[in-house]
Amino acid sequence: MNRLFVVAGLVVAAAAACDDGNQQTVHYDLQHISTAQTYWDYPFPSDRRLDASGAPDVAAFPNPRNVPIRGKSGALRGAR
């Protein structure tokens, strides 16, 4: 029975080590992080997205339907 677990473990390890040849990369746009169109091209939260008081800067957060609560949420977050 132990031999079965060892063989099964080796099969799983061998399958996990296989490379399918596809190369994947992550792309961050470091220059254009302050527009609604490119908001998600850079990680959030990030130290580059802090305002002068150190609170998260969500001024460029996409709001295509102009939901009014978004504008009021700035007062809720407070200062750091």
Foldseek 3Di string as FASTA:
>chain_A
DVVVVVVVVVVVVVVVPDDPPDDDDQAADPPDCQACVCVVSHDPPDQVQADPQRHGNCVRHDDPPPDPVVVVCVVVRDGD
